[in-house]
Amino acid sequence: MAEICPTCSLPKSLCVCQTIEYEQQRVKIKLESKKWNKIMTIIEGLDKSSIDIEEAASVLKTKCACGGAVKNGLIMLQGDQREKVRKILAELGIPPENLEVI
């Protein structure tokens, strides 16, 4: 007998809970000025249970060719990377309508 998902009561092979959860994320991409007027791109709203934030930060830093860090569930990238980040997150599977660039 196939395993049953406790959330939707469908077999695990047909379960769409993770997909629905992933598509309902509201991700904010914004700019902040830090110490000595350094510009940082901040990505917040990524759900820790459906995406590995450390891995996502690594991909973003590589593709944007910049430094950055992960603190308290936020991804911080050096410089103004808003448009690049929006495109990369859309490629990673987050629907573009759920990405809010501030």
C-alpha atoms as a PDB file:
ATOM      1  CA  MET A   1       0.000   0.000   0.000  1.00  0.00           C
ATOM      2  CA  ALA A   2       1.274   3.462  -0.907  1.00  0.00           C
ATOM      3  CA  GLU A   3       2.149   6.039   1.724  1.00  0.00           C
ATOM      4  CA  ILE A   4      -0.568   8.631   2.362  1.00  0.00           C
ATOM      5  CA  CYS A   5       0.120  12.352   2.855  1.00  0.00           C
ATOM      6  CA  PRO A   6      -1.253  13.459   6.261  1.00  0.00           C
ATOM      7  CA  THR A   7      -2.160  16.914   4.921  1.00  0.00           C
ATOM      8  CA  CYS A   8      -4.116  16.195   1.740  1.00  0.00           C
ATOM      9  CA  SER A   9      -4.840  12.436   2.209  1.00  0.00           C
ATOM     10  CA  LEU A  10      -3.537  11.642  -1.270  1.00  0.00           C
ATOM     11  CA  PRO A  11      -0.875   9.043  -2.030  1.00  0.00           C
ATOM     12  CA  LYS A  12       2.640  10.498  -1.772  1.00  0.00           C
ATOM     13  CA  SER A  13       3.125  10.059  -5.545  1.00  0.00           C
ATOM     14  CA  LEU A  14       0.118  12.359  -6.205  1.00  0.00           C
ATOM     15  CA  CYS A  15       0.625  14.791  -3.320  1.00  0.00           C
ATOM     16  CA  VAL A  16       0.780  18.464  -4.311  1.00  0.00           C
ATOM     17  CA  CYS A  17       1.174  20.005  -0.849  1.00  0.00           C
ATOM     18  CA  GLN A  18       4.822  21.017  -1.425  1.00  0.00           C
ATOM     19  CA  THR A  19       4.016  22.574  -4.808  1.00  0.00           C
ATOM     20  CA  ILE A  20       1.104  24.578  -3.424  1.00  0.00           C
ATOM     21  CA  GLU A  21       3.186  25.692  -0.442  1.00  0.00           C
ATOM     22  CA  TYR A  22       6.037  26.723  -2.760  1.00  0.00           C
ATOM     23  CA  GLU A  23       3.727  28.703  -5.062  1.00  0.00           C
ATOM     24  CA  GLN A  24       2.090  30.614  -2.195  1.00  0.00           C
ATOM     25  CA  GLN A  25       5.313  32.215  -0.936  1.00  0.00           C
ATOM     26  CA  ARG A  26       5.442  36.016  -0.995  1.00  0.00           C
ATOM     27  CA  VAL A  27       9.073  37.013  -1.508  1.00  0.00           C
ATOM     28  CA  LYS A  28      10.209  40.627  -1.067  1.00  0.00           C
ATOM     29  CA  ILE A  29      13.363  41.899  -2.747  1.00  0.00           C
ATOM     30  CA  LYS A  30      14.400  45.288  -1.413  1.00  0.00           C
ATOM     31  CA  LEU A  31      17.345  47.632  -1.095  1.00  0.00           C
ATOM     32  CA  GLU A  32      18.812  48.811   2.196  1.00  0.00           C
ATOM     33  CA  SER A  33      21.649  51.148   3.015  1.00  0.00           C
ATOM     34  CA  LYS A  34      24.011  49.740   5.623  1.00  0.00           C
ATOM     35  CA  LYS A  35      26.994  51.107   7.492  1.00  0.00           C
ATOM     36  CA  TRP A  36      29.088  53.630   5.533  1.00  0.00           C
ATOM     37  CA  ASN A  37      26.324  53.912   2.884  1.00  0.00           C
ATOM     38  CA  LYS A  38      26.918  50.411   1.514  1.00  0.00           C
ATOM     39  CA  ILE A  39      23.954  49.205  -0.555  1.00  0.00           C
ATOM     40  CA  MET A  40      22.590  45.713   0.188  1.00  0.00           C
ATOM     41  CA  THR A  41      19.896  43.741  -1.624  1.00  0.00           C
ATOM     42  CA  ILE A  42      17.717  41.953   0.948  1.00  0.00           C
ATOM     43  CA  ILE A  43      15.578  38.909   0.061  1.00  0.00           C
ATOM     44  CA  GLU A  44      12.971  38.001   2.672  1.00  0.00           C
ATOM     45  CA  GLY A  45       9.978  35.724   2.768  1.00  0.00           C
ATOM     46  CA  LEU A  46      11.565  32.489   1.561  1.00  0.00           C
ATOM     47  CA  ASP A  47      10.055  29.556   3.427  1.00  0.00           C
ATOM     48  CA  LYS A  48      12.765  27.519   5.189  1.00  0.00           C
ATOM     49  CA  SER A  49      10.753  24.297   4.979  1.00  0.00           C
ATOM     50  CA  SER A  50      10.359  24.296   1.187  1.00  0.00           C
ATOM     51  CA  ILE A  51      13.709  25.751   0.061  1.00  0.00           C
ATOM     52  CA  ASP A  52      17.255  25.510   1.404  1.00  0.00           C
ATOM     53  CA  ILE A  53      18.097  29.163   2.062  1.00  0.00           C
ATOM     54  CA  GLU A  54      21.856  28.517   2.290  1.00  0.00           C
ATOM     55  CA  GLU A  55      21.851  26.809  -1.106  1.00  0.00           C
ATOM     56  CA  ALA A  56      19.676  29.545  -2.643  1.00  0.00           C
ATOM     57  CA  ALA A  57      22.066  32.196  -1.287  1.00  0.00           C
ATOM     58  CA  SER A  58      25.017  30.344  -2.773  1.00  0.00           C
ATOM     59  CA  VAL A  59      23.344  30.211  -6.199  1.00  0.00           C
ATOM     60  CA  LEU A  60      22.401  33.903  -6.017  1.00  0.00           C
ATOM     61  CA  LYS A  61      25.914  34.975  -4.993  1.00  0.00           C
ATOM     62  CA  THR A  62      27.450  32.943  -7.815  1.00  0.00           C
ATOM     63  CA  LYS A  63      25.087  34.158 -10.538  1.00  0.00           C
ATOM     64  CA  CYS A  64      25.192  37.797  -9.375  1.00  0.00           C
ATOM     65  CA  ALA A  65      28.984  37.685  -8.898  1.00  0.00           C
ATOM     66  CA  CYS A  66      28.785  39.367  -5.513  1.00  0.00           C
ATOM     67  CA  GLY A  67      29.322  38.670  -1.843  1.00  0.00           C
ATOM     68  CA  GLY A  68      26.598  38.132   0.677  1.00  0.00           C
ATOM     69  CA  ALA A  69      25.354  36.339   3.763  1.00  0.00           C
ATOM     70  CA  VAL A  70      22.352  34.628   5.327  1.00  0.00           C
ATOM     71  CA  LYS A  71      21.118  35.965   8.679  1.00  0.00           C
ATOM     72  CA  ASN A  72      17.841  35.234  10.477  1.00  0.00           C
ATOM     73  CA  GLY A  73      16.221  33.782   7.358  1.00  0.00           C
ATOM     74  CA  LEU A  74      17.186  36.779   5.189  1.00  0.00           C
ATOM     75  CA  ILE A  75      19.546  36.639   2.239  1.00  0.00           C
ATOM     76  CA  MET A  76      21.740  39.739   1.976  1.00  0.00           C
ATOM     77  CA  LEU A  77      23.689  40.447  -1.212  1.00  0.00           C
ATOM     78  CA  GLN A  78      26.179  43.262  -1.764  1.00  0.00           C
ATOM     79  CA  GLY A  79      25.131  45.954  -4.232  1.00  0.00           C
ATOM     80  CA  ASP A  80      21.917  46.598  -6.153  1.00  0.00           C
ATOM     81  CA  GLN A  81      21.042  43.125  -7.486  1.00  0.00           C
ATOM     82  CA  ARG A  82      17.222  43.419  -7.485  1.00  0.00           C
ATOM     83  CA  GLU A  83      16.532  42.684 -11.165  1.00  0.00           C
ATOM     84  CA  LYS A  84      19.077  39.854 -11.367  1.00  0.00           C
ATOM     85  CA  VAL A  85      17.655  38.273  -8.214  1.00  0.00           C
ATOM     86  CA  ARG A  86      14.095  38.501  -9.547  1.00  0.00           C
ATOM     87  CA  LYS A  87      15.108  36.662 -12.736  1.00  0.00           C
ATOM     88  CA  ILE A  88      17.122  34.017 -10.880  1.00  0.00           C
ATOM     89  CA  LEU A  89      14.352  33.286  -8.356  1.00  0.00           C
ATOM     90  CA  ALA A  90      11.871  32.957 -11.221  1.00  0.00           C
ATOM     91  CA  GLU A  91      14.251  30.415 -12.826  1.00  0.00           C
ATOM     92  CA  LEU A  92      14.393  28.522  -9.510  1.00  0.00           C
ATOM     93  CA  GLY A  93      10.626  28.024  -9.664  1.00  0.00           C
ATOM     94  CA  ILE A  94       9.117  30.835  -7.616  1.00  0.00           C
ATOM     95  CA  PRO A  95       6.262  32.327  -9.652  1.00  0.00           C
ATOM     96  CA  PRO A  96       7.080  35.883 -10.870  1.00  0.00           C
ATOM     97  CA  GLU A  97       3.747  37.207  -9.533  1.00  0.00           C
ATOM     98  CA  ASN A  98       4.890  36.215  -6.014  1.00  0.00           C
ATOM     99  CA  LEU A  99       8.090  38.278  -6.276  1.00  0.00           C
ATOM    100  CA  GLU A 100       7.759  41.846  -5.014  1.00  0.00           C
ATOM    101  CA  VAL A 101      10.615  44.200  -5.904  1.00  0.00           C
ATOM    102  CA  ILE A 102      10.734  47.275  -3.672  1.00  0.00           C
END
